[in-house]
N, C-alpha and C. Protein backbone atom coordinates (compact mmCIF):
# COMPACT_ATOMS: atom_id res chain seq x y z
N UNK A 1 -118.54 -79.29 -137.46
CA UNK A 1 -119.81 -79.94 -137.85
C UNK A 1 -120.23 -79.43 -139.30
N UNK A 2 -120.84 -80.26 -140.04
CA UNK A 2 -121.17 -80.00 -141.31
C UNK A 2 -122.34 -81.00 -141.83
N UNK A 3 -123.14 -80.49 -142.81
CA UNK A 3 -124.21 -81.44 -143.30
C UNK A 3 -124.46 -80.88 -144.85
N UNK A 4 -124.91 -82.04 -145.45
CA UNK A 4 -125.53 -81.59 -146.70
C UNK A 4 -126.93 -81.45 -146.63
N UNK A 5 -127.64 -80.68 -147.35
CA UNK A 5 -129.07 -80.38 -147.30
C UNK A 5 -129.82 -81.74 -147.07
N UNK A 6 -130.60 -81.80 -146.10
CA UNK A 6 -131.44 -82.89 -145.83
C UNK A 6 -130.71 -84.12 -145.18
N UNK A 7 -129.46 -84.05 -145.08
CA UNK A 7 -128.76 -85.13 -144.49
C UNK A 7 -128.42 -84.94 -142.91
N UNK A 8 -127.83 -85.81 -142.44
CA UNK A 8 -127.50 -85.69 -141.06
C UNK A 8 -126.22 -84.96 -140.78
N UNK A 9 -126.14 -84.35 -139.46
CA UNK A 9 -124.98 -83.61 -139.18
C UNK A 9 -123.71 -84.61 -139.12
N UNK A 10 -122.65 -84.12 -139.58
CA UNK A 10 -121.40 -84.82 -139.66
C UNK A 10 -120.35 -84.06 -138.77
N UNK A 11 -119.45 -84.91 -138.00
CA UNK A 11 -118.37 -84.27 -137.08
C UNK A 11 -117.04 -84.77 -137.51
N UNK A 12 -116.18 -83.93 -137.48
CA UNK A 12 -114.79 -84.21 -137.89
C UNK A 12 -113.87 -83.46 -137.03
N UNK A 13 -112.64 -84.22 -136.60
CA UNK A 13 -111.62 -83.61 -135.86
C UNK A 13 -110.60 -83.10 -137.01
N UNK A 14 -110.71 -81.71 -137.08
CA UNK A 14 -109.96 -81.13 -138.13
C UNK A 14 -108.46 -81.04 -137.80
N UNK A 15 -107.99 -81.40 -136.67
CA UNK A 15 -106.70 -81.34 -136.33
C UNK A 15 -106.04 -82.78 -136.63
N UNK A 16 -106.74 -83.77 -136.41
CA UNK A 16 -106.31 -85.19 -136.78
C UNK A 16 -106.72 -85.72 -138.28
N UNK A 17 -107.83 -85.05 -138.72
CA UNK A 17 -108.39 -85.63 -139.92
C UNK A 17 -108.78 -84.37 -140.86
N UNK A 18 -107.74 -83.78 -141.42
CA UNK A 18 -108.00 -82.41 -142.08
C UNK A 18 -108.76 -82.75 -143.40
N UNK A 19 -108.78 -84.15 -143.93
CA UNK A 19 -109.33 -84.64 -145.27
C UNK A 19 -110.82 -84.86 -144.99
N UNK A 20 -111.29 -84.86 -143.57
CA UNK A 20 -112.66 -85.12 -143.30
C UNK A 20 -113.14 -86.62 -143.77
N UNK A 21 -112.32 -87.56 -143.33
CA UNK A 21 -112.61 -88.79 -143.88
C UNK A 21 -113.24 -89.84 -142.93
N UNK A 22 -113.31 -89.39 -141.63
CA UNK A 22 -113.86 -90.23 -140.57
C UNK A 22 -114.86 -89.33 -139.84
N UNK A 23 -116.21 -89.64 -140.04
CA UNK A 23 -117.29 -89.02 -139.43
C UNK A 23 -117.38 -89.48 -137.93
N UNK A 24 -117.20 -88.49 -136.91
CA UNK A 24 -117.40 -89.00 -135.55
C UNK A 24 -118.62 -88.69 -134.84
N UNK A 25 -119.63 -88.29 -135.67
CA UNK A 25 -121.13 -88.00 -135.07
C UNK A 25 -121.66 -89.18 -134.35
N UNK A 26 -121.54 -90.20 -134.76
CA UNK A 26 -122.22 -91.40 -134.14
C UNK A 26 -121.47 -91.74 -132.68
N UNK A 27 -120.08 -91.48 -132.74
CA UNK A 27 -119.43 -91.74 -131.61
C UNK A 27 -119.57 -90.71 -130.45
N UNK A 28 -119.95 -89.47 -130.84
CA UNK A 28 -120.08 -88.32 -129.98
C UNK A 28 -121.46 -87.67 -130.28
N UNK A 29 -122.41 -88.35 -129.95
CA UNK A 29 -123.97 -87.67 -130.26
C UNK A 29 -124.07 -86.35 -129.43
N UNK A 30 -123.63 -86.36 -128.23
CA UNK A 30 -123.66 -85.19 -127.23
C UNK A 30 -123.04 -83.91 -127.90
N UNK A 31 -121.96 -84.18 -128.54
CA UNK A 31 -121.05 -82.93 -129.11
C UNK A 31 -121.92 -82.56 -130.36
N UNK A 32 -122.78 -83.40 -130.92
CA UNK A 32 -123.47 -82.94 -132.23
C UNK A 32 -124.83 -82.27 -131.81
N UNK A 33 -125.45 -82.77 -130.75
CA UNK A 33 -126.83 -82.41 -130.25
C UNK A 33 -126.69 -80.86 -129.90
N UNK A 34 -125.90 -80.33 -129.15
CA UNK A 34 -125.98 -78.98 -128.70
C UNK A 34 -125.94 -78.06 -129.90
N UNK A 35 -124.89 -78.02 -130.59
CA UNK A 35 -124.86 -77.21 -131.81
C UNK A 35 -125.76 -77.32 -132.90
N UNK A 36 -126.34 -78.52 -133.08
CA UNK A 36 -127.44 -78.74 -133.99
C UNK A 36 -128.48 -78.08 -133.42
N UNK A 37 -128.90 -78.05 -132.10
CA UNK A 37 -130.12 -77.58 -131.61
C UNK A 37 -129.94 -75.88 -131.73
N UNK A 38 -128.65 -75.40 -131.46
CA UNK A 38 -128.40 -74.18 -131.64
C UNK A 38 -128.62 -73.52 -133.04
N UNK A 39 -128.22 -74.39 -133.91
CA UNK A 39 -128.47 -74.05 -135.41
C UNK A 39 -129.99 -73.87 -135.62
N UNK A 40 -130.68 -74.92 -135.27
CA UNK A 40 -132.13 -75.01 -135.62
C UNK A 40 -132.87 -73.71 -134.99
N UNK A 41 -132.43 -73.45 -133.70
CA UNK A 41 -133.06 -72.26 -133.13
C UNK A 41 -132.91 -70.95 -133.75
N UNK A 42 -131.48 -70.70 -134.20
CA UNK A 42 -131.10 -69.59 -134.93
C UNK A 42 -131.89 -69.52 -136.42
N UNK A 43 -131.71 -70.79 -137.08
CA UNK A 43 -132.63 -70.69 -138.28
C UNK A 43 -133.99 -70.30 -138.11
N UNK A 44 -134.59 -70.80 -137.01
CA UNK A 44 -136.17 -70.49 -136.89
C UNK A 44 -136.11 -68.79 -136.71
N UNK A 45 -135.24 -68.38 -135.73
CA UNK A 45 -135.33 -66.76 -135.37
C UNK A 45 -135.15 -66.02 -136.47
N UNK A 46 -134.23 -66.39 -137.38
CA UNK A 46 -133.98 -65.58 -138.61
C UNK A 46 -134.60 -65.85 -139.82
N UNK A 47 -135.49 -66.82 -139.76
CA UNK A 47 -136.43 -67.12 -140.96
C UNK A 47 -135.70 -67.90 -142.08
N UNK A 48 -134.56 -68.80 -141.80
CA UNK A 48 -134.20 -69.57 -142.76
C UNK A 48 -135.24 -70.44 -143.51
N UNK A 49 -135.12 -70.50 -144.89
CA UNK A 49 -136.18 -71.13 -145.55
C UNK A 49 -135.34 -72.35 -146.18
N UNK A 50 -135.78 -73.46 -145.71
CA UNK A 50 -135.11 -74.59 -146.21
C UNK A 50 -135.11 -74.92 -147.73
N UNK A 51 -134.19 -75.37 -148.16
CA UNK A 51 -134.12 -75.62 -149.70
C UNK A 51 -135.28 -76.48 -150.20
N UNK A 52 -135.75 -76.16 -151.46
CA UNK A 52 -136.83 -77.03 -151.90
C UNK A 52 -138.20 -76.69 -151.55
N UNK A 53 -138.41 -75.31 -151.08
CA UNK A 53 -139.73 -74.95 -150.51
C UNK A 53 -139.99 -73.64 -151.37
C-alpha cells in the first residue's frame, strides 16, 4: 500500500505487477481498511504532523 499526500491509499500486487500499474484498492477494500486504520492510529500516537500545516 502507498499513497501520495492527500490522496487515497493504493494497493499493488508486487509479485505480479512490479511496475505498480494496476491499483487493486477498489477491488479489495478490506485489505486496505485494516492497514490504513493501523497507520492512522500510529500517526496519532506518535504525533505525525500532516503536510501543509
